[in-house]
N, C-alpha and C. Protein backbone atom coordinates (compact mmCIF):
# COMPACT_ATOMS: atom_id res chain seq x y z
N MET A 1 150.41 -3.64 -2.41
CA MET A 1 149.71 -3.82 -1.15
C MET A 1 150.60 -4.54 -0.15
N GLY A 2 151.37 -5.53 -0.62
CA GLY A 2 152.26 -6.26 0.27
C GLY A 2 153.35 -5.38 0.85
N ILE A 3 153.92 -4.51 0.02
CA ILE A 3 155.00 -3.63 0.47
C ILE A 3 154.48 -2.62 1.49
N MET A 4 153.28 -2.12 1.25
CA MET A 4 152.71 -1.10 2.14
C MET A 4 152.01 -1.70 3.36
N GLY A 5 151.86 -3.01 3.38
CA GLY A 5 151.18 -3.65 4.52
C GLY A 5 149.68 -3.46 4.50
N ILE A 6 149.11 -3.30 3.31
CA ILE A 6 147.67 -3.11 3.17
C ILE A 6 147.04 -4.46 2.88
N GLN A 7 145.92 -4.72 3.52
CA GLN A 7 145.20 -5.97 3.25
C GLN A 7 143.70 -5.72 3.25
N ALA A 8 142.97 -6.62 2.60
CA ALA A 8 141.51 -6.51 2.55
C ALA A 8 140.93 -6.75 3.93
N ILE A 9 139.80 -6.10 4.19
CA ILE A 9 139.11 -6.28 5.47
C ILE A 9 137.93 -7.21 5.25
N TYR A 10 138.04 -8.43 5.73
CA TYR A 10 136.98 -9.42 5.67
C TYR A 10 137.26 -10.47 6.74
N PRO A 11 136.26 -11.25 7.13
CA PRO A 11 136.50 -12.26 8.16
C PRO A 11 137.56 -13.26 7.73
N GLN A 12 138.54 -13.48 8.57
CA GLN A 12 139.61 -14.42 8.28
C GLN A 12 139.26 -15.79 8.86
N LYS A 13 139.82 -16.83 8.29
CA LYS A 13 139.62 -18.18 8.82
C LYS A 13 140.40 -18.31 10.12
N ARG A 14 139.71 -18.69 11.18
CA ARG A 14 140.35 -18.86 12.48
C ARG A 14 139.90 -20.18 13.10
N THR A 15 139.76 -21.20 12.27
CA THR A 15 139.21 -22.46 12.75
C THR A 15 140.20 -23.25 13.59
N SER A 16 141.49 -22.98 13.50
CA SER A 16 142.48 -23.75 14.23
C SER A 16 142.98 -23.06 15.49
N MET A 17 142.27 -22.04 15.94
CA MET A 17 142.72 -21.30 17.11
C MET A 17 141.69 -21.44 18.23
N PRO A 18 141.79 -22.49 19.06
CA PRO A 18 140.83 -22.66 20.14
C PRO A 18 141.04 -21.61 21.23
N ASP A 19 139.96 -21.21 21.85
CA ASP A 19 140.02 -20.29 22.97
C ASP A 19 140.51 -21.05 24.19
N LYS A 20 141.43 -20.46 24.96
CA LYS A 20 142.00 -21.17 26.10
C LYS A 20 140.98 -21.40 27.21
N TYR A 21 139.87 -20.64 27.21
CA TYR A 21 138.85 -20.80 28.23
C TYR A 21 137.72 -21.74 27.80
N HIS A 22 137.74 -22.19 26.54
CA HIS A 22 136.68 -23.06 26.03
C HIS A 22 136.87 -24.48 26.54
N GLN A 23 135.80 -25.06 27.03
CA GLN A 23 135.87 -26.44 27.52
C GLN A 23 136.00 -27.41 26.35
N ILE A 24 136.88 -28.36 26.48
CA ILE A 24 137.07 -29.38 25.45
C ILE A 24 136.27 -30.61 25.84
N TYR A 25 135.36 -31.02 24.99
CA TYR A 25 134.50 -32.15 25.25
C TYR A 25 135.10 -33.42 24.65
N PRO A 26 134.91 -34.56 25.30
CA PRO A 26 135.46 -35.79 24.75
C PRO A 26 134.67 -36.25 23.53
N TYR A 27 135.33 -36.97 22.64
CA TYR A 27 134.68 -37.55 21.47
C TYR A 27 134.03 -38.85 21.92
N LEU A 28 132.71 -38.86 21.97
CA LEU A 28 131.97 -39.97 22.57
C LEU A 28 131.97 -41.24 21.72
N PHE A 29 132.26 -41.12 20.43
CA PHE A 29 132.23 -42.30 19.56
C PHE A 29 133.61 -42.91 19.34
N LYS A 30 134.60 -42.45 20.09
CA LYS A 30 135.95 -42.99 19.94
C LYS A 30 135.96 -44.47 20.31
N GLY A 31 136.46 -45.28 19.41
CA GLY A 31 136.52 -46.72 19.65
C GLY A 31 135.23 -47.46 19.30
N LEU A 32 134.17 -46.73 18.92
CA LEU A 32 132.90 -47.37 18.56
C LEU A 32 132.93 -47.77 17.09
N LEU A 33 132.68 -49.01 16.81
CA LEU A 33 132.62 -49.48 15.43
C LEU A 33 131.21 -49.23 14.90
N ILE A 34 131.10 -48.32 13.96
CA ILE A 34 129.81 -48.01 13.33
C ILE A 34 129.72 -48.88 12.09
N ASP A 35 128.96 -49.98 12.18
CA ASP A 35 128.97 -50.97 11.12
C ASP A 35 127.59 -51.31 10.56
N ARG A 36 126.58 -50.51 10.90
CA ARG A 36 125.24 -50.78 10.36
C ARG A 36 124.43 -49.48 10.31
N PRO A 37 123.46 -49.42 9.43
CA PRO A 37 122.59 -48.24 9.36
C PRO A 37 121.76 -48.09 10.64
N ASN A 38 121.35 -46.87 10.92
CA ASN A 38 120.51 -46.52 12.07
C ASN A 38 121.19 -46.79 13.41
N GLN A 39 122.50 -46.93 13.41
CA GLN A 39 123.23 -47.11 14.67
C GLN A 39 123.58 -45.75 15.29
N VAL A 40 124.04 -44.82 14.45
CA VAL A 40 124.42 -43.48 14.93
C VAL A 40 123.86 -42.45 13.95
N TRP A 41 123.14 -41.49 14.51
CA TRP A 41 122.63 -40.37 13.72
C TRP A 41 123.27 -39.09 14.22
N GLY A 42 123.36 -38.13 13.34
CA GLY A 42 123.84 -36.80 13.71
C GLY A 42 122.86 -35.77 13.20
N ILE A 43 122.94 -34.57 13.76
CA ILE A 43 122.06 -33.49 13.33
C ILE A 43 122.91 -32.29 12.97
N ASP A 44 122.51 -31.56 11.96
CA ASP A 44 123.22 -30.36 11.54
C ASP A 44 122.21 -29.27 11.26
N ILE A 45 122.51 -28.07 11.72
CA ILE A 45 121.69 -26.90 11.44
C ILE A 45 122.59 -25.91 10.72
N THR A 46 122.17 -25.45 9.55
CA THR A 46 122.98 -24.52 8.78
C THR A 46 122.10 -23.47 8.14
N TYR A 47 122.73 -22.44 7.61
CA TYR A 47 122.01 -21.36 6.94
C TYR A 47 122.25 -21.45 5.45
N ILE A 48 121.24 -21.06 4.68
CA ILE A 48 121.34 -21.00 3.23
C ILE A 48 120.99 -19.57 2.82
N ARG A 49 121.88 -18.96 2.05
CA ARG A 49 121.66 -17.59 1.60
C ARG A 49 120.68 -17.57 0.44
N LEU A 50 119.66 -16.73 0.54
CA LEU A 50 118.70 -16.51 -0.53
C LEU A 50 118.80 -15.06 -0.99
N VAL A 51 118.08 -14.70 -2.04
CA VAL A 51 118.12 -13.35 -2.56
C VAL A 51 117.63 -12.34 -1.52
N ASN A 52 116.56 -12.70 -0.80
CA ASN A 52 115.95 -11.77 0.15
C ASN A 52 116.35 -12.01 1.60
N GLY A 53 117.30 -12.87 1.87
CA GLY A 53 117.70 -13.11 3.25
C GLY A 53 118.28 -14.50 3.43
N TRP A 54 117.95 -15.12 4.55
CA TRP A 54 118.51 -16.41 4.93
C TRP A 54 117.40 -17.39 5.26
N ILE A 55 117.68 -18.67 5.13
CA ILE A 55 116.77 -19.73 5.53
C ILE A 55 117.59 -20.75 6.31
N SER A 56 116.99 -21.35 7.32
CA SER A 56 117.68 -22.35 8.14
C SER A 56 117.32 -23.75 7.65
N LEU A 57 118.31 -24.62 7.59
CA LEU A 57 118.11 -26.00 7.19
C LEU A 57 118.58 -26.91 8.31
N THR A 58 117.71 -27.80 8.76
CA THR A 58 118.05 -28.80 9.76
C THR A 58 118.00 -30.16 9.09
N ALA A 59 119.06 -30.95 9.26
CA ALA A 59 119.12 -32.28 8.65
C ALA A 59 119.57 -33.30 9.68
N ILE A 60 118.95 -34.47 9.65
CA ILE A 60 119.37 -35.62 10.46
C ILE A 60 120.03 -36.60 9.52
N ILE A 61 121.27 -37.00 9.86
CA ILE A 61 122.11 -37.78 8.95
C ILE A 61 122.50 -39.09 9.60
N ASP A 62 122.40 -40.18 8.86
CA ASP A 62 122.87 -41.49 9.30
C ASP A 62 124.37 -41.55 9.04
N TRP A 63 125.17 -41.73 10.08
CA TRP A 63 126.63 -41.69 9.93
C TRP A 63 127.17 -42.86 9.13
N PHE A 64 126.56 -44.02 9.21
CA PHE A 64 127.07 -45.18 8.48
C PHE A 64 126.80 -45.05 6.99
N ALA A 65 125.56 -44.79 6.63
CA ALA A 65 125.15 -44.74 5.23
C ALA A 65 125.42 -43.38 4.59
N ARG A 66 125.75 -42.35 5.39
CA ARG A 66 125.91 -40.98 4.89
C ARG A 66 124.66 -40.55 4.14
N PHE A 67 123.52 -40.87 4.74
CA PHE A 67 122.22 -40.64 4.13
C PHE A 67 121.45 -39.63 4.97
N VAL A 68 120.79 -38.69 4.33
CA VAL A 68 119.94 -37.74 5.05
C VAL A 68 118.64 -38.45 5.39
N VAL A 69 118.41 -38.67 6.67
CA VAL A 69 117.22 -39.39 7.13
C VAL A 69 116.00 -38.49 7.05
N ALA A 70 116.15 -37.22 7.45
CA ALA A 70 115.04 -36.26 7.41
C ALA A 70 115.62 -34.86 7.37
N TRP A 71 114.86 -33.91 6.82
CA TRP A 71 115.30 -32.53 6.80
C TRP A 71 114.11 -31.60 6.85
N GLU A 72 114.36 -30.37 7.28
CA GLU A 72 113.31 -29.36 7.41
C GLU A 72 113.94 -27.99 7.19
N THR A 73 113.22 -27.09 6.55
CA THR A 73 113.68 -25.72 6.39
C THR A 73 112.70 -24.78 7.09
N SER A 74 113.21 -23.61 7.47
CA SER A 74 112.39 -22.62 8.15
C SER A 74 113.01 -21.25 7.95
N ILE A 75 112.17 -20.22 7.93
CA ILE A 75 112.70 -18.86 7.80
C ILE A 75 113.16 -18.32 9.14
N ILE A 76 112.74 -18.95 10.23
CA ILE A 76 113.23 -18.58 11.55
C ILE A 76 113.79 -19.82 12.23
N MET A 77 114.84 -19.64 13.01
CA MET A 77 115.41 -20.79 13.70
C MET A 77 114.85 -20.83 15.12
N ASP A 78 113.99 -21.81 15.36
CA ASP A 78 113.41 -22.00 16.67
C ASP A 78 113.28 -23.49 16.95
N THR A 79 112.79 -23.83 18.11
CA THR A 79 112.69 -25.24 18.49
C THR A 79 111.69 -26.00 17.64
N ASP A 80 110.68 -25.31 17.10
CA ASP A 80 109.69 -25.98 16.27
C ASP A 80 110.33 -26.62 15.04
N MET A 81 111.36 -25.99 14.50
CA MET A 81 112.03 -26.53 13.32
C MET A 81 112.66 -27.89 13.65
N VAL A 82 113.32 -27.99 14.80
CA VAL A 82 113.97 -29.24 15.18
C VAL A 82 112.94 -30.31 15.52
N VAL A 83 111.86 -29.93 16.18
CA VAL A 83 110.80 -30.89 16.51
C VAL A 83 110.13 -31.39 15.24
N ASN A 84 109.92 -30.51 14.27
CA ASN A 84 109.29 -30.91 13.02
C ASN A 84 110.16 -31.90 12.25
N VAL A 85 111.46 -31.70 12.22
CA VAL A 85 112.33 -32.64 11.51
C VAL A 85 112.35 -33.98 12.23
N GLN A 86 112.23 -33.97 13.54
CA GLN A 86 112.18 -35.22 14.29
C GLN A 86 110.91 -36.00 13.95
N ASN A 87 109.81 -35.31 13.72
CA ASN A 87 108.55 -35.98 13.38
C ASN A 87 108.56 -36.54 11.96
N LEU A 88 109.50 -36.10 11.12
CA LEU A 88 109.58 -36.60 9.74
C LEU A 88 110.37 -37.88 9.61
N ILE A 89 111.02 -38.33 10.70
CA ILE A 89 111.85 -39.53 10.64
C ILE A 89 110.95 -40.75 10.41
N PRO A 90 111.23 -41.55 9.40
CA PRO A 90 110.41 -42.74 9.16
C PRO A 90 110.59 -43.76 10.29
N SER A 91 109.54 -44.52 10.54
CA SER A 91 109.61 -45.52 11.60
C SER A 91 110.54 -46.65 11.17
N ARG A 92 111.12 -47.33 12.13
CA ARG A 92 112.06 -48.42 11.84
C ARG A 92 111.39 -49.77 11.83
N ALA A 93 110.09 -49.81 11.84
CA ALA A 93 109.37 -51.08 11.91
C ALA A 93 109.49 -51.94 10.71
């Protein structure tokens, strides 16, 4: 295959090739000392492959403790999924 120049057809990793027209946003936490829980949270939305299709997972993560504060799954990705995970966050009282 190498001699003939044949290669498999599948999506290649292109994570290090930024588009020249894409806006570069500043890193807002640069210089911020994250030294306690509940100081900075992040959110991630990802897909999980199932036998019959896909499911969306939304998770809110505490950056200091690396702890999942709340999570929600849904078969469709819509705003209700994000609102529902926000309502699952325990109070800080």
